[in-house]
Amino acid sequence: MPLPLTTRVDGITPGLDIHGLDRDEIPVADWLCSCGHHERARGRKAVTELTTRATVDRCPHSKPATRAA
């Protein structure tokens, strides 16, 4: 039996969640896309890079449908 390509997680809302920016902690960001893709970044530079890539209103992981000519 093949393994599933994506994992479904119920009860977690897709979006960008960032912790540790206001304190003397290492910042951590989690991005859960509506398609199920998850990324985690640790450290100020990595969190900044993730926040510039992350989108909440649309999924950048799925290819747009193309029409055959």
C-alpha atoms as a PDB file:
ATOM      1  CA  MET A   1       0.000   0.000   0.000  1.00  0.00           C
ATOM      2  CA  PRO A   2       1.583   3.338  -1.019  1.00  0.00           C
ATOM      3  CA  LEU A   3       2.080   6.050   1.565  1.00  0.00           C
ATOM      4  CA  PRO A   4      -0.126   9.144   1.251  1.00  0.00           C
ATOM      5  CA  LEU A   5       1.528  12.185  -0.305  1.00  0.00           C
ATOM      6  CA  THR A   6      -0.155  14.662   2.023  1.00  0.00           C
ATOM      7  CA  THR A   7      -1.289  14.501   5.603  1.00  0.00           C
ATOM      8  CA  ARG A   8      -4.652  15.819   6.693  1.00  0.00           C
ATOM      9  CA  VAL A   9      -4.707  17.622  10.012  1.00  0.00           C
ATOM     10  CA  ASP A  10      -8.069  18.514  11.497  1.00  0.00           C
ATOM     11  CA  GLY A  11      -8.563  21.306  14.008  1.00  0.00           C
ATOM     12  CA  ILE A  12      -5.620  23.451  12.860  1.00  0.00           C
ATOM     13  CA  THR A  13      -6.371  26.503  10.773  1.00  0.00           C
ATOM     14  CA  PRO A  14      -4.015  27.170   7.863  1.00  0.00           C
ATOM     15  CA  GLY A  15      -1.954  30.315   8.242  1.00  0.00           C
ATOM     16  CA  LEU A  16       1.291  31.736   9.588  1.00  0.00           C
ATOM     17  CA  ASP A  17       2.085  31.505  13.299  1.00  0.00           C
ATOM     18  CA  ILE A  18       5.137  33.317  14.745  1.00  0.00           C
ATOM     19  CA  HIS A  19       6.458  33.102  18.318  1.00  0.00           C
ATOM     20  CA  GLY A  20       9.381  34.616  20.206  1.00  0.00           C
ATOM     21  CA  LEU A  21       9.771  37.980  18.503  1.00  0.00           C
ATOM     22  CA  ASP A  22       9.194  40.164  21.576  1.00  0.00           C
ATOM     23  CA  ARG A  23      11.348  38.247  24.033  1.00  0.00           C
ATOM     24  CA  ASP A  24      14.958  37.123  24.244  1.00  0.00           C
ATOM     25  CA  GLU A  25      14.014  33.836  22.617  1.00  0.00           C
ATOM     26  CA  ILE A  26      14.824  32.298  19.269  1.00  0.00           C
ATOM     27  CA  PRO A  27      11.940  33.213  16.953  1.00  0.00           C
ATOM     28  CA  VAL A  28      10.006  30.301  15.473  1.00  0.00           C
ATOM     29  CA  ALA A  29       7.465  30.451  12.647  1.00  0.00           C
ATOM     30  CA  ASP A  30       5.109  27.747  11.394  1.00  0.00           C
ATOM     31  CA  TRP A  31       3.322  28.059   8.068  1.00  0.00           C
ATOM     32  CA  LEU A  32       0.479  25.663   7.303  1.00  0.00           C
ATOM     33  CA  CYS A  33      -0.835  26.086   3.768  1.00  0.00           C
ATOM     34  CA  SER A  34      -4.439  25.259   2.906  1.00  0.00           C
ATOM     35  CA  CYS A  35      -3.134  22.322   0.811  1.00  0.00           C
ATOM     36  CA  GLY A  36      -1.507  20.759   3.908  1.00  0.00           C
ATOM     37  CA  HIS A  37       2.087  21.858   3.188  1.00  0.00           C
ATOM     38  CA  HIS A  38       3.921  22.764   6.416  1.00  0.00           C
ATOM     39  CA  GLU A  39       7.154  24.681   6.929  1.00  0.00           C
ATOM     40  CA  ARG A  40       8.920  25.650  10.145  1.00  0.00           C
ATOM     41  CA  ALA A  41      11.642  28.263  10.482  1.00  0.00           C
ATOM     42  CA  ARG A  42      13.905  28.936  13.485  1.00  0.00           C
ATOM     43  CA  GLY A  43      15.992  32.054  13.964  1.00  0.00           C
ATOM     44  CA  ARG A  44      15.369  35.650  12.997  1.00  0.00           C
ATOM     45  CA  LYS A  45      16.771  35.372   9.446  1.00  0.00           C
ATOM     46  CA  ALA A  46      14.917  32.133   8.633  1.00  0.00           C
ATOM     47  CA  VAL A  47      11.646  33.486  10.077  1.00  0.00           C
ATOM     48  CA  THR A  48      11.997  36.675   8.018  1.00  0.00           C
ATOM     49  CA  GLU A  49      12.581  34.636   4.847  1.00  0.00           C
ATOM     50  CA  LEU A  50       9.567  32.421   5.555  1.00  0.00           C
ATOM     51  CA  THR A  51       7.287  35.402   6.176  1.00  0.00           C
ATOM     52  CA  THR A  52       8.220  36.855   2.776  1.00  0.00           C
ATOM     53  CA  ARG A  53       7.379  33.543   1.012  1.00  0.00           C
ATOM     54  CA  ALA A  54       4.292  32.464   2.929  1.00  0.00           C
ATOM     55  CA  THR A  55       0.891  33.224   1.456  1.00  0.00           C
ATOM     56  CA  VAL A  56      -2.365  32.818   3.310  1.00  0.00           C
ATOM     57  CA  ASP A  57      -4.956  33.725   0.687  1.00  0.00           C
ATOM     58  CA  ARG A  58      -3.867  31.252  -2.029  1.00  0.00           C
ATOM     59  CA  CYS A  59      -1.877  28.021  -2.321  1.00  0.00           C
ATOM     60  CA  PRO A  60       1.450  28.459  -4.150  1.00  0.00           C
ATOM     61  CA  HIS A  61       2.055  24.686  -4.198  1.00  0.00           C
ATOM     62  CA  SER A  62      -0.635  23.693  -6.688  1.00  0.00           C
ATOM     63  CA  LYS A  63      -0.149  24.340 -10.363  1.00  0.00           C
ATOM     64  CA  PRO A  64      -2.883  26.321 -12.118  1.00  0.00           C
ATOM     65  CA  ALA A  65      -5.080  24.302 -14.415  1.00  0.00           C
ATOM     66  CA  THR A  66      -4.118  24.601 -18.055  1.00  0.00           C
ATOM     67  CA  ARG A  67      -6.406  24.156 -21.030  1.00  0.00           C
ATOM     68  CA  ALA A  68      -5.491  21.966 -23.932  1.00  0.00           C
ATOM     69  CA  ALA A  69      -5.503  23.791 -27.242  1.00  0.00           C
END
